[in-house]
Amino acid sequence: MAIGGSAIQRPLAVMMSRQILSITPTAPVIEAARTMREAKVGALLVAEGSRFVGIVSESDLVRNVLAVGGDANQVRVSQVMHAPLIAIEIDRSAHEASDLMAERGIRHLAVTEDGKIVGILSVRDLLRYFKNWGTL
């Protein structure tokens, strides 16, 4: 576990994206796809009011809508999102994040600080980190 708050001791803080984009569970998945494309991200948090209830990713759209002939204008985010949202505290290590993703078979994690979501971590972020600074 990290001690203190420096960037080196808190690699998740350095790796993660602080841009938290969300969509409602009732939105059509075409809206999620467009939002992801415009923002150049691979996942959106799913929010009901001020509470995050899940996550929807490009993989969810491809596997659960497109690959089965679903209508992206009719299928709702709630039908393909993953819930509950899986998160990791910001003071955890990159290895712990990688292990959690592998264990759960996911590519994105919400990053929390004192229980509040402060960012999103992707498998691409971890790959970049391990390539440049860490070891597997």
Protein backbone atom coordinates (compact mmCIF):
# COMPACT_ATOMS: atom_id res chain seq x y z
CA MET A 1 0.00 0.00 0.00
CA ALA A 2 1.15 3.51 -0.73
CA ILE A 3 2.51 5.73 1.98
CA GLY A 4 2.05 9.46 1.64
CA GLY A 5 0.69 11.23 -1.38
CA SER A 6 3.46 11.68 -3.94
CA ALA A 7 2.77 10.78 -7.56
CA ILE A 8 5.26 7.90 -7.50
CA GLN A 9 3.67 6.43 -4.41
CA ARG A 10 0.18 6.86 -5.88
CA PRO A 11 0.46 5.60 -9.46
CA LEU A 12 -3.31 5.34 -9.94
CA ALA A 13 -3.58 9.10 -9.43
CA VAL A 14 -1.08 9.61 -12.25
CA MET A 15 -2.55 7.00 -14.62
CA MET A 16 -6.27 7.55 -14.34
CA SER A 17 -8.41 9.96 -16.27
CA ARG A 18 -10.06 12.58 -14.11
CA GLN A 19 -12.60 13.23 -16.85
CA ILE A 20 -15.69 11.45 -15.53
CA LEU A 21 -18.30 11.13 -18.24
CA SER A 22 -21.68 9.62 -17.54
CA ILE A 23 -24.96 8.68 -19.13
CA THR A 24 -28.37 7.74 -17.74
CA PRO A 25 -29.57 4.13 -17.69
CA THR A 26 -32.59 5.08 -19.81
CA ALA A 27 -30.54 6.58 -22.65
CA PRO A 28 -30.41 4.62 -25.91
CA VAL A 29 -27.05 2.94 -26.49
CA ILE A 30 -26.58 4.97 -29.69
CA GLU A 31 -26.23 8.02 -27.43
CA ALA A 32 -23.60 6.20 -25.36
CA ALA A 33 -21.69 5.27 -28.52
CA ARG A 34 -21.75 8.83 -29.81
CA THR A 35 -20.63 10.25 -26.47
CA MET A 36 -17.73 7.77 -26.31
CA ARG A 37 -16.69 8.57 -29.88
CA GLU A 38 -16.80 12.34 -29.33
CA ALA A 39 -14.89 12.15 -26.05
CA LYS A 40 -12.48 9.47 -27.34
CA VAL A 41 -13.11 7.21 -24.35
CA GLY A 42 -13.96 3.53 -24.10
CA ALA A 43 -16.49 3.64 -21.27
CA LEU A 44 -19.04 5.82 -19.51
CA LEU A 45 -20.26 5.66 -15.96
CA VAL A 46 -24.00 5.16 -15.66
CA ALA A 47 -25.63 7.66 -13.32
CA GLU A 48 -29.01 7.83 -11.68
CA GLY A 49 -29.15 11.33 -10.30
CA SER A 50 -25.93 11.91 -8.38
CA ARG A 51 -25.28 8.19 -7.84
CA PHE A 52 -23.21 5.99 -10.15
CA VAL A 53 -24.92 2.64 -10.64
CA GLY A 54 -22.81 0.95 -13.33
CA ILE A 55 -20.59 1.29 -16.35
CA VAL A 56 -21.11 0.79 -20.07
CA SER A 57 -18.19 0.17 -22.43
CA GLU A 58 -17.53 -0.14 -26.14
CA SER A 59 -17.27 -3.89 -25.62
CA ASP A 60 -20.74 -3.97 -24.09
CA LEU A 61 -22.14 -2.18 -27.14
CA VAL A 62 -20.43 -4.48 -29.61
CA ARG A 63 -21.11 -7.77 -27.80
CA ASN A 64 -24.57 -7.09 -26.43
CA VAL A 65 -26.11 -4.91 -29.12
CA LEU A 66 -24.36 -5.00 -32.48
CA ALA A 67 -23.30 -8.66 -32.48
CA VAL A 68 -26.85 -9.81 -31.71
CA GLY A 69 -28.55 -7.53 -34.22
CA GLY A 70 -29.93 -5.14 -31.61
CA ASP A 71 -31.29 -1.73 -32.54
CA ALA A 72 -28.97 0.86 -31.02
CA ASN A 73 -31.83 3.38 -31.03
CA GLN A 74 -34.10 1.07 -29.02
CA VAL A 75 -31.78 -0.78 -26.63
CA ARG A 76 -31.23 1.14 -23.39
CA VAL A 77 -27.97 1.53 -21.52
CA SER A 78 -29.52 -0.28 -18.53
CA GLN A 79 -29.90 -3.40 -20.68
CA VAL A 80 -26.18 -3.72 -21.44
CA MET A 81 -24.34 -1.97 -18.59
CA HIS A 82 -22.35 -3.75 -15.93
CA ALA A 83 -23.57 -3.25 -12.38
CA PRO A 84 -22.66 -2.79 -9.67
CA LEU A 85 -19.77 -0.49 -10.48
CA ILE A 86 -16.40 -1.98 -9.54
CA ALA A 87 -14.00 0.51 -7.99
CA ILE A 88 -10.55 0.69 -6.47
CA GLU A 89 -9.21 3.21 -3.96
CA ILE A 90 -6.67 5.68 -5.33
CA ASP A 91 -3.97 4.59 -2.87
CA ARG A 92 -3.86 1.04 -4.22
CA SER A 93 -1.06 -0.11 -6.52
CA ALA A 94 -1.10 -0.56 -10.27
CA HIS A 95 -0.59 -4.28 -9.69
CA GLU A 96 -3.68 -4.43 -7.49
CA ALA A 97 -5.69 -2.63 -10.17
CA SER A 98 -4.41 -5.02 -12.83
CA ASP A 99 -5.22 -8.03 -10.66
CA LEU A 100 -8.74 -6.75 -9.98
CA MET A 101 -9.39 -6.17 -13.68
CA ALA A 102 -8.12 -9.64 -14.56
CA GLU A 103 -10.09 -11.29 -11.74
CA ARG A 104 -13.33 -9.59 -12.79
CA GLY A 105 -12.70 -9.77 -16.55
CA ILE A 106 -13.11 -6.01 -17.02
CA ARG A 107 -11.21 -3.25 -18.78
CA HIS A 108 -12.26 -0.20 -16.74
CA LEU A 109 -12.31 0.61 -13.02
CA ALA A 110 -13.74 3.57 -11.19
CA VAL A 111 -11.10 5.10 -8.94
CA THR A 112 -12.28 6.37 -5.58
CA GLU A 113 -10.82 8.58 -2.90
CA ASP A 114 -12.49 8.36 0.48
CA GLY A 115 -15.40 6.58 -1.21
CA LYS A 116 -16.00 9.28 -3.84
CA ILE A 117 -15.32 8.58 -7.52
CA VAL A 118 -12.46 10.77 -8.73
CA GLY A 119 -11.47 9.09 -11.98
CA ILE A 120 -11.56 6.16 -14.36
CA LEU A 121 -8.72 3.73 -14.99
CA SER A 122 -8.52 1.68 -18.17
CA VAL A 123 -6.45 -1.34 -19.07
CA ARG A 124 -4.73 0.90 -21.64
CA ASP A 125 -3.67 3.23 -18.80
CA LEU A 126 -2.14 0.26 -16.98
CA LEU A 127 -0.32 -0.95 -20.09
CA ARG A 128 1.16 2.50 -20.62
CA TYR A 129 2.26 2.64 -16.97
CA PHE A 130 3.89 -0.80 -16.98
CA LYS A 131 5.63 -0.07 -20.28
CA ASN A 132 7.12 3.19 -19.05
CA TRP A 133 7.63 2.80 -15.29
CA GLY A 134 6.71 -0.53 -13.88
CA THR A 135 7.17 -4.21 -14.40
CA LEU A 136 4.63 -6.97 -14.72
